[in-house]
PDB file of N, CA and C in Angstrom:
ATOM      1  N   MET A   1       5.641 -17.340  15.174  1.00  0.00           N
ATOM      2  CA  MET A   1       4.822 -17.402  16.140  1.00  0.00           C
ATOM      3  C   MET A   1       4.958 -18.435  17.525  1.00  0.00           C
ATOM      4  N   ARG A   2       4.908 -18.092  18.488  1.00  0.00           N
ATOM      5  CA  ARG A   2       5.063 -19.322  19.523  1.00  0.00           C
ATOM      6  C   ARG A   2       4.364 -19.013  20.566  1.00  0.00           C
ATOM      7  N   ALA A   3       4.130 -19.942  21.623  1.00  0.00           N
ATOM      8  CA  ALA A   3       3.204 -19.566  22.755  1.00  0.00           C
ATOM      9  C   ALA A   3       4.292 -20.242  23.896  1.00  0.00           C
ATOM     10  N   LEU A   4       4.335 -19.669  24.992  1.00  0.00           N
ATOM     11  CA  LEU A   4       5.196 -20.184  26.284  1.00  0.00           C
ATOM     12  C   LEU A   4       4.585 -20.416  27.269  1.00  0.00           C
ATOM     13  N   GLY A   5       4.436 -20.987  28.004  1.00  0.00           N
ATOM     14  CA  GLY A   5       3.810 -21.934  29.043  1.00  0.00           C
ATOM     15  C   GLY A   5       4.698 -22.129  30.409  1.00  0.00           C
ATOM     16  N   PRO A   6       5.433 -23.568  30.241  1.00  0.00           N
ATOM     17  CA  PRO A   6       6.216 -24.071  31.191  1.00  0.00           C
ATOM     18  C   PRO A   6       7.362 -23.382  30.980  1.00  0.00           C
ATOM     19  N   SER A   7       7.929 -22.743  30.030  1.00  0.00           N
ATOM     20  CA  SER A   7       9.514 -21.837  30.546  1.00  0.00           C
ATOM     21  C   SER A   7       9.046 -20.987  30.710  1.00  0.00           C
ATOM     22  N   LEU A   8       8.017 -20.270  31.283  1.00  0.00           N
ATOM     23  CA  LEU A   8       8.142 -18.911  31.632  1.00  0.00           C
ATOM     24  C   LEU A   8       8.284 -19.152  33.280  1.00  0.00           C
ATOM     25  N   ARG A   9       8.423 -20.209  33.796  1.00  0.00           N
ATOM     26  CA  ARG A   9       8.577 -20.456  35.136  1.00  0.00           C
ATOM     27  C   ARG A   9      10.035 -20.534  35.458  1.00  0.00           C
ATOM     28  N   GLN A  10      10.909 -20.270  34.483  1.00  0.00           N
ATOM     29  CA  GLN A  10      12.333 -20.158  34.871  1.00  0.00           C
ATOM     30  C   GLN A  10      12.424 -18.336  34.998  1.00  0.00           C
ATOM     31  N   PHE A  11      11.687 -17.636  34.935  1.00  0.00           N
ATOM     32  CA  PHE A  11      11.294 -16.264  35.220  1.00  0.00           C
ATOM     33  C   PHE A  11      10.514 -15.884  36.301  1.00  0.00           C
ATOM     34  N   GLY A  12       9.980 -17.040  36.923  1.00  0.00           N
ATOM     35  CA  GLY A  12       9.449 -17.057  38.492  1.00  0.00           C
ATOM     36  C   GLY A  12       7.818 -16.702  38.221  1.00  0.00           C
ATOM     37  N   VAL A  13       7.216 -17.001  37.137  1.00  0.00           N
ATOM     38  CA  VAL A  13       6.148 -17.068  36.746  1.00  0.00           C
ATOM     39  C   VAL A  13       5.664 -18.056  37.507  1.00  0.00           C
ATOM     40  N   THR A  14       4.760 -18.285  38.135  1.00  0.00           N
ATOM     41  CA  THR A  14       3.754 -19.160  38.906  1.00  0.00           C
ATOM     42  C   THR A  14       2.339 -19.435  38.078  1.00  0.00           C
ATOM     43  N   GLY A  15       1.602 -20.766  38.110  1.00  0.00           N
ATOM     44  CA  GLY A  15       0.421 -20.788  37.553  1.00  0.00           C
ATOM     45  C   GLY A  15       0.503 -20.619  36.113  1.00  0.00           C
ATOM     46  N   THR A  16       1.708 -21.216  35.461  1.00  0.00           N
ATOM     47  CA  THR A  16       1.735 -21.282  34.132  1.00  0.00           C
ATOM     48  C   THR A  16       0.679 -22.502  33.252  1.00  0.00           C
ATOM     49  N   LEU A  17       0.675 -22.148  32.270  1.00  0.00           N
ATOM     50  CA  LEU A  17      -0.382 -23.411  31.641  1.00  0.00           C
ATOM     51  C   LEU A  17       0.608 -24.434  31.166  1.00  0.00           C
ATOM     52  N   VAL A  18       0.564 -25.436  31.707  1.00  0.00           N
ATOM     53  CA  VAL A  18       1.260 -26.670  31.477  1.00  0.00           C
ATOM     54  C   VAL A  18       1.199 -26.796  30.018  1.00  0.00           C
ATOM     55  N   ASP A  19       0.296 -27.361  29.356  1.00  0.00           N
ATOM     56  CA  ASP A  19       0.501 -27.833  27.837  1.00  0.00           C
ATOM     57  C   ASP A  19      -0.304 -26.996  27.000  1.00  0.00           C
ATOM     58  N   PRO A  20       0.234 -25.639  26.561  1.00  0.00           N
ATOM     59  CA  PRO A  20      -0.492 -24.851  25.685  1.00  0.00           C
ATOM     60  C   PRO A  20      -0.153 -25.905  24.217  1.00  0.00           C
ATOM     61  N   MET A  21      -2.021 -24.837  23.545  1.00  0.00           N
ATOM     62  CA  MET A  21      -1.756 -25.328  22.151  1.00  0.00           C
ATOM     63  C   MET A  21      -1.986 -23.861  21.517  1.00  0.00           C
ATOM     64  N   LEU A  22      -1.592 -24.004  20.352  1.00  0.00           N
ATOM     65  CA  LEU A  22      -1.496 -22.647  19.500  1.00  0.00           C
ATOM     66  C   LEU A  22      -2.314 -22.855  18.432  1.00  0.00           C
ATOM     67  N   MET A  23      -3.495 -21.740  18.145  1.00  0.00           N
ATOM     68  CA  MET A  23      -4.166 -21.507  16.914  1.00  0.00           C
ATOM     69  C   MET A  23      -4.396 -20.409  16.325  1.00  0.00           C
ATOM     70  N   LEU A  24      -4.331 -20.258  14.855  1.00  0.00           N
ATOM     71  CA  LEU A  24      -4.296 -19.057  14.098  1.00  0.00           C
ATOM     72  C   LEU A  24      -5.716 -19.190  13.569  1.00  0.00           C
ATOM     73  N   PHE A  25      -6.439 -18.276  13.352  1.00  0.00           N
ATOM     74  CA  PHE A  25      -7.669 -17.796  12.806  1.00  0.00           C
ATOM     75  C   PHE A  25      -7.557 -16.832  11.748  1.00  0.00           C
ATOM     76  N   ASP A  26      -8.286 -17.050  10.518  1.00  0.00           N
ATOM     77  CA  ASP A  26      -8.411 -15.712   9.660  1.00  0.00           C
ATOM     78  C   ASP A  26      -9.759 -15.048   9.953  1.00  0.00           C
ATOM     79  N   GLY A  27      -9.702 -13.805   9.392  1.00  0.00           N
ATOM     80  CA  GLY A  27     -10.930 -12.858   9.467  1.00  0.00           C
ATOM     81  C   GLY A  27     -12.332 -13.553   9.921  1.00  0.00           C
ATOM     82  N   ASN A  28     -12.196 -14.552   9.232  1.00  0.00           N
ATOM     83  CA  ASN A  28     -13.688 -15.711   9.258  1.00  0.00           C
ATOM     84  C   ASN A  28     -13.625 -16.349  10.106  1.00  0.00           C
ATOM     85  N   GLY A  29     -12.681 -16.638  10.957  1.00  0.00           N
ATOM     86  CA  GLY A  29     -13.010 -17.601  12.087  1.00  0.00           C
ATOM     87  C   GLY A  29     -12.492 -18.951  11.601  1.00  0.00           C
ATOM     88  N   ASN A  30     -11.967 -19.131  10.174  1.00  0.00           N
ATOM     89  CA  ASN A  30     -11.556 -20.206   9.726  1.00  0.00           C
ATOM     90  C   ASN A  30      -9.963 -20.534  10.417  1.00  0.00           C
ATOM     91  N   VAL A  31      -9.696 -21.793  10.908  1.00  0.00           N
ATOM     92  CA  VAL A  31      -8.254 -22.103  11.254  1.00  0.00           C
ATOM     93  C   VAL A  31      -7.281 -21.810  10.263  1.00  0.00           C
ATOM     94  N   VAL A  32      -6.421 -21.283  10.369  1.00  0.00           N
ATOM     95  CA  VAL A  32      -5.312 -21.314   9.373  1.00  0.00           C
ATOM     96  C   VAL A  32      -4.234 -21.985   9.698  1.00  0.00           C
ATOM     97  N   ALA A  33      -3.983 -22.443  10.872  1.00  0.00           N
ATOM     98  CA  ALA A  33      -2.707 -23.040  11.417  1.00  0.00           C
ATOM     99  C   ALA A  33      -2.877 -23.424  12.793  1.00  0.00           C
ATOM    100  N   SER A  34      -2.369 -24.295  13.339  1.00  0.00           N
ATOM    101  CA  SER A  34      -2.224 -25.133  14.636  1.00  0.00           C
ATOM    102  C   SER A  34      -1.022 -25.539  14.998  1.00  0.00           C
ATOM    103  N   ASN A  35      -0.868 -25.673  16.085  1.00  0.00           N
ATOM    104  CA  ASN A  35       0.552 -26.676  16.443  1.00  0.00           C
ATOM    105  C   ASN A  35       0.016 -27.067  18.114  1.00  0.00           C
ATOM    106  N   ASP A  36       0.744 -28.044  18.524  1.00  0.00           N
ATOM    107  CA  ASP A  36       0.365 -28.359  20.165  1.00  0.00           C
ATOM    108  C   ASP A  36       1.774 -28.506  20.652  1.00  0.00           C
ATOM    109  N   ASN A  37       2.780 -29.639  20.114  1.00  0.00           N
ATOM    110  CA  ASN A  37       4.192 -28.918  20.551  1.00  0.00           C
ATOM    111  C   ASN A  37       4.919 -28.779  19.374  1.00  0.00           C
ATOM    112  N   TRP A  38       5.917 -28.190  19.234  1.00  0.00           N
ATOM    113  CA  TRP A  38       6.883 -27.354  18.436  1.00  0.00           C
ATOM    114  C   TRP A  38       7.378 -28.288  17.594  1.00  0.00           C
ATOM    115  N   MET A  39       7.828 -29.438  17.955  1.00  0.00           N
ATOM    116  CA  MET A  39       8.631 -30.627  17.268  1.00  0.00           C
ATOM    117  C   MET A  39       7.525 -31.301  16.313  1.00  0.00           C
ATOM    118  N   ASP A  40       6.458 -31.256  16.355  1.00  0.00           N
ATOM    119  CA  ASP A  40       5.456 -32.046  15.724  1.00  0.00           C
ATOM    120  C   ASP A  40       5.414 -31.792  13.923  1.00  0.00           C
ATOM    121  N   ASP A  41       5.344 -30.014  13.900  1.00  0.00           N
ATOM    122  CA  ASP A  41       5.538 -29.730  12.680  1.00  0.00           C
ATOM    123  C   ASP A  41       6.843 -28.726  12.212  1.00  0.00           C
ATOM    124  N   TYR A  42       7.278 -29.119  11.097  1.00  0.00           N
ATOM    125  CA  TYR A  42       8.629 -28.497  10.793  1.00  0.00           C
ATOM    126  C   TYR A  42       9.491 -28.091  12.053  1.00  0.00           C
ATOM    127  N   PRO A  43      10.202 -29.056  12.638  1.00  0.00           N
ATOM    128  CA  PRO A  43      11.042 -28.404  13.482  1.00  0.00           C
ATOM    129  C   PRO A  43      12.227 -28.175  13.143  1.00  0.00           C
ATOM    130  N   SER A  44      12.884 -28.523  12.420  1.00  0.00           N
ATOM    131  CA  SER A  44      13.914 -27.828  11.314  1.00  0.00           C
ATOM    132  C   SER A  44      13.676 -26.608  11.130  1.00  0.00           C
ATOM    133  N   ASP A  45      12.599 -26.088  10.596  1.00  0.00           N
ATOM    134  CA  ASP A  45      12.624 -24.674   9.960  1.00  0.00           C
ATOM    135  C   ASP A  45      12.381 -23.893  11.196  1.00  0.00           C
ATOM    136  N   ILE A  46      11.743 -24.604  12.240  1.00  0.00           N
ATOM    137  CA  ILE A  46      11.684 -23.604  13.702  1.00  0.00           C
ATOM    138  C   ILE A  46      13.107 -23.601  14.418  1.00  0.00           C
ATOM    139  N   GLN A  47      13.726 -24.562  14.314  1.00  0.00           N
ATOM    140  CA  GLN A  47      15.300 -24.235  14.916  1.00  0.00           C
ATOM    141  C   GLN A  47      15.717 -23.229  14.113  1.00  0.00           C
ATOM    142  N   SER A  48      15.737 -23.577  12.696  1.00  0.00           N
ATOM    143  CA  SER A  48      16.880 -22.349  11.937  1.00  0.00           C
ATOM    144  C   SER A  48      16.711 -21.067  12.011  1.00  0.00           C
ATOM    145  N   VAL A  49      15.356 -20.606  12.556  1.00  0.00           N
ATOM    146  CA  VAL A  49      15.000 -19.430  12.817  1.00  0.00           C
ATOM    147  C   VAL A  49      15.158 -18.920  14.123  1.00  0.00           C
ATOM    148  N   ALA A  50      15.937 -19.924  15.115  1.00  0.00           N
ATOM    149  CA  ALA A  50      16.670 -19.444  16.501  1.00  0.00           C
ATOM    150  C   ALA A  50      15.705 -18.698  17.277  1.00  0.00           C
ATOM    151  N   HIS A  51      14.123 -19.331  17.025  1.00  0.00           N
ATOM    152  CA  HIS A  51      13.217 -19.044  18.092  1.00  0.00           C
ATOM    153  C   HIS A  51      12.309 -20.109  18.506  1.00  0.00           C
ATOM    154  N   ALA A  52      12.980 -21.131  18.595  1.00  0.00           N
ATOM    155  CA  ALA A  52      12.409 -22.489  18.862  1.00  0.00           C
ATOM    156  C   ALA A  52      12.186 -22.325  20.226  1.00  0.00           C
ATOM    157  N   PRO A  53      10.771 -22.750  20.983  1.00  0.00           N
ATOM    158  CA  PRO A  53      10.360 -22.548  22.517  1.00  0.00           C
ATOM    159  C   PRO A  53      11.199 -23.580  23.380  1.00  0.00           C
ATOM    160  N   PRO A  54      11.438 -22.950  24.360  1.00  0.00           N
ATOM    161  CA  PRO A  54      12.341 -23.689  25.126  1.00  0.00           C
ATOM    162  C   PRO A  54      11.913 -25.278  25.992  1.00  0.00           C
ATOM    163  N   ASP A  55      10.805 -25.254  25.785  1.00  0.00           N
ATOM    164  CA  ASP A  55      10.213 -26.508  26.388  1.00  0.00           C
ATOM    165  C   ASP A  55       9.579 -27.254  25.067  1.00  0.00           C
ATOM    166  N   LEU A  56       9.780 -28.529  25.225  1.00  0.00           N
ATOM    167  CA  LEU A  56       9.055 -29.058  23.885  1.00  0.00           C
ATOM    168  C   LEU A  56       7.790 -29.367  24.027  1.00  0.00           C
ATOM    169  N   SER A  57       6.991 -29.170  25.215  1.00  0.00           N
ATOM    170  CA  SER A  57       5.719 -28.701  25.093  1.00  0.00           C
ATOM    171  C   SER A  57       4.748 -27.846  24.704  1.00  0.00           C
ATOM    172  N   GLU A  58       5.793 -26.702  24.087  1.00  0.00           N
ATOM    173  CA  GLU A  58       5.277 -25.481  23.960  1.00  0.00           C
ATOM    174  C   GLU A  58       4.879 -25.707  22.244  1.00  0.00           C
ATOM    175  N   PRO A  59       4.007 -25.008  21.944  1.00  0.00           N
ATOM    176  CA  PRO A  59       3.586 -24.399  20.486  1.00  0.00           C
ATOM    177  C   PRO A  59       4.573 -23.764  19.760  1.00  0.00           C
ATOM    178  N   ALA A  60       4.790 -23.568  18.227  1.00  0.00           N
ATOM    179  CA  ALA A  60       5.112 -22.804  17.444  1.00  0.00           C
ATOM    180  C   ALA A  60       4.613 -22.750  16.007  1.00  0.00           C
ATOM    181  N   ILE A  61       4.645 -21.706  15.396  1.00  0.00           N
ATOM    182  CA  ILE A  61       4.042 -22.000  13.884  1.00  0.00           C
ATOM    183  C   ILE A  61       4.737 -21.063  13.320  1.00  0.00           C
ATOM    184  N   ILE A  62       5.445 -21.342  11.817  1.00  0.00           N
ATOM    185  CA  ILE A  62       5.934 -20.466  10.790  1.00  0.00           C
ATOM    186  C   ILE A  62       5.070 -20.485   9.565  1.00  0.00           C
ATOM    187  N   ILE A  63       4.237 -19.067   9.224  1.00  0.00           N
ATOM    188  CA  ILE A  63       3.182 -19.042   8.086  1.00  0.00           C
ATOM    189  C   ILE A  63       3.509 -17.964   7.679  1.00  0.00           C
ATOM    190  N   ASP A  64       3.368 -17.939   6.288  1.00  0.00           N
ATOM    191  CA  ASP A  64       2.955 -16.465   5.634  1.00  0.00           C
ATOM    192  C   ASP A  64       1.885 -16.281   6.123  1.00  0.00           C
ATOM    193  N   ARG A  65       1.630 -15.097   6.863  1.00  0.00           N
ATOM    194  CA  ARG A  65       0.215 -14.671   7.248  1.00  0.00           C
ATOM    195  C   ARG A  65      -0.786 -14.338   6.064  1.00  0.00           C
ATOM    196  N   PRO A  66      -1.990 -14.897   6.206  1.00  0.00           N
ATOM    197  CA  PRO A  66      -2.944 -14.481   5.239  1.00  0.00           C
ATOM    198  C   PRO A  66      -3.051 -12.871   5.228  1.00  0.00           C
ATOM    199  N   VAL A  67      -3.856 -12.631   3.981  1.00  0.00           N
ATOM    200  CA  VAL A  67      -4.057 -11.093   4.023  1.00  0.00           C
ATOM    201  C   VAL A  67      -5.143 -11.136   4.820  1.00  0.00           C
ATOM    202  N   GLY A  68      -5.412  -9.833   5.753  1.00  0.00           N
ATOM    203  CA  GLY A  68      -6.634  -9.310   6.505  1.00  0.00           C
ATOM    204  C   GLY A  68      -6.198  -9.827   7.717  1.00  0.00           C
ATOM    205  N   ASN A  69      -7.299  -9.716   8.278  1.00  0.00           N
ATOM    206  CA  ASN A  69      -7.313  -9.853  10.109  1.00  0.00           C
ATOM    207  C   ASN A  69      -6.807 -11.336  10.375  1.00  0.00           C
ATOM    208  N   THR A  70      -5.830 -11.355  11.398  1.00  0.00           N
ATOM    209  CA  THR A  70      -5.896 -12.614  11.681  1.00  0.00           C
ATOM    210  C   THR A  70      -5.972 -12.764  13.370  1.00  0.00           C
ATOM    211  N   THR A  71      -6.138 -13.706  14.027  1.00  0.00           N
ATOM    212  CA  THR A  71      -6.208 -13.902  15.562  1.00  0.00           C
ATOM    213  C   THR A  71      -5.441 -15.158  15.928  1.00  0.00           C
ATOM    214  N   ALA A  72      -4.521 -14.820  16.820  1.00  0.00           N
ATOM    215  CA  ALA A  72      -3.928 -16.113  17.479  1.00  0.00           C
ATOM    216  C   ALA A  72      -4.655 -16.298  18.801  1.00  0.00           C
ATOM    217  N   VAL A  73      -4.825 -17.765  19.234  1.00  0.00           N
ATOM    218  CA  VAL A  73      -5.306 -18.223  20.501  1.00  0.00           C
ATOM    219  C   VAL A  73      -4.503 -19.281  21.012  1.00  0.00           C
ATOM    220  N   VAL A  74      -4.335 -18.801  22.408  1.00  0.00           N
ATOM    221  CA  VAL A  74      -3.629 -20.062  23.095  1.00  0.00           C
ATOM    222  C   VAL A  74      -4.562 -20.761  23.912  1.00  0.00           C
ATOM    223  N   ARG A  75      -4.611 -21.932  24.038  1.00  0.00           N
ATOM    224  CA  ARG A  75      -5.529 -22.931  24.962  1.00  0.00           C
ATOM    225  C   ARG A  75      -4.415 -23.839  25.465  1.00  0.00           C
ATOM    226  N   GLY A  76      -5.072 -24.154  26.791  1.00  0.00           N
ATOM    227  CA  GLY A  76      -4.626 -25.474  27.490  1.00  0.00           C
ATOM    228  C   GLY A  76      -5.040 -26.505  26.685  1.00  0.00           C
ATOM    229  N   LYS A  77      -4.236 -27.800  26.586  1.00  0.00           N
ATOM    230  CA  LYS A  77      -4.568 -29.051  26.187  1.00  0.00           C
ATOM    231  C   LYS A  77      -5.487 -29.561  27.578  1.00  0.00           C
ATOM    232  N   SER A  78      -6.420 -30.446  27.106  1.00  0.00           N
ATOM    233  CA  SER A  78      -7.553 -31.025  27.843  1.00  0.00           C
ATOM    234  C   SER A  78      -8.182 -29.755  28.451  1.00  0.00           C
ATOM    235  N   GLY A  79      -8.230 -28.788  28.248  1.00  0.00           N
ATOM    236  CA  GLY A  79      -8.901 -27.651  29.158  1.00  0.00           C
ATOM    237  C   GLY A  79      -8.299 -26.838  29.834  1.00  0.00           C
ATOM    238  N   GLY A  80      -6.746 -27.462  30.231  1.00  0.00           N
ATOM    239  CA  GLY A  80      -6.016 -26.876  31.249  1.00  0.00           C
ATOM    240  C   GLY A  80      -6.226 -25.030  31.196  1.00  0.00           C
ATOM    241  N   THR A  81      -5.688 -25.128  32.124  1.00  0.00           N
ATOM    242  CA  THR A  81      -5.880 -23.239  32.404  1.00  0.00           C
ATOM    243  C   THR A  81      -4.441 -23.088  32.814  1.00  0.00           C
ATOM    244  N   GLY A  82      -3.972 -21.227  32.763  1.00  0.00           N
ATOM    245  CA  GLY A  82      -3.007 -21.116  33.203  1.00  0.00           C
ATOM    246  C   GLY A  82      -2.332 -19.751  32.531  1.00  0.00           C
ATOM    247  N   ILE A  83      -1.149 -19.366  32.891  1.00  0.00           N
ATOM    248  CA  ILE A  83      -0.756 -18.228  32.147  1.00  0.00           C
ATOM    249  C   ILE A  83       0.426 -18.420  31.131  1.00  0.00           C
ATOM    250  N   ALA A  84      -0.154 -17.894  29.927  1.00  0.00           N
ATOM    251  CA  ALA A  84       1.018 -18.224  28.957  1.00  0.00           C
ATOM    252  C   ALA A  84       1.195 -17.014  27.820  1.00  0.00           C
ATOM    253  N   LEU A  85       2.153 -16.615  27.110  1.00  0.00           N
ATOM    254  CA  LEU A  85       2.406 -15.740  26.600  1.00  0.00           C
ATOM    255  C   LEU A  85       2.761 -16.126  24.868  1.00  0.00           C
ATOM    256  N   ILE A  86       2.166 -15.279  24.201  1.00  0.00           N
ATOM    257  CA  ILE A  86       2.111 -15.406  22.686  1.00  0.00           C
ATOM    258  C   ILE A  86       3.375 -14.452  22.183  1.00  0.00           C
ATOM    259  N   GLU A  87       4.133 -14.880  21.642  1.00  0.00           N
ATOM    260  CA  GLU A  87       5.317 -14.107  20.976  1.00  0.00           C
ATOM    261  C   GLU A  87       5.038 -14.262  19.560  1.00  0.00           C
ATOM    262  N   VAL A  88       5.025 -13.145  18.486  1.00  0.00           N
ATOM    263  CA  VAL A  88       5.177 -13.240  17.214  1.00  0.00           C
ATOM    264  C   VAL A  88       6.229 -12.469  16.411  1.00  0.00           C
ATOM    265  N   TYR A  89       7.070 -13.067  15.588  1.00  0.00           N
ATOM    266  CA  TYR A  89       8.131 -12.554  15.254  1.00  0.00           C
ATOM    267  C   TYR A  89       8.213 -12.493  13.291  1.00  0.00           C
ATOM    268  N   TYR A  90       8.896 -11.378  13.261  1.00  0.00           N
ATOM    269  CA  TYR A  90       8.499 -11.100  11.563  1.00  0.00           C
ATOM    270  C   TYR A  90       9.886 -11.470  11.412  1.00  0.00           C
ATOM    271  N   LEU A  91       9.865 -12.224  10.264  1.00  0.00           N
ATOM    272  CA  LEU A  91      11.073 -13.168   9.320  1.00  0.00           C
ATOM    273  C   LEU A  91      11.127 -13.041   8.012  1.00  0.00           C
ATOM    274  N   PRO A  92      12.133 -11.890   7.895  1.00  0.00           N
ATOM    275  CA  PRO A  92      12.318 -11.559   6.691  1.00  0.00           C
ATOM    276  C   PRO A  92      12.740 -12.760   5.628  1.00  0.00           C
TER     277      PRO A  92
END
């Protein structure tokens, strides 16, 4: 799972979220995983699946999703606002 903000500019998207943060919550509202910059946590794992975000300030998470409902939330660091895209990939 990754959240894109700054890299969306290359597609002509204006007003993108400058520094996105990604959080994953379980069905009870508990944080299951979070990431600020994808190079912070397990960068070799993320690079090995060829889905690393293009911009170093974009977050990514690799996780075995817990049983039940989960919710992904992208937020701007320090309260920033803008347009972002969350992508979820199934990795067999």
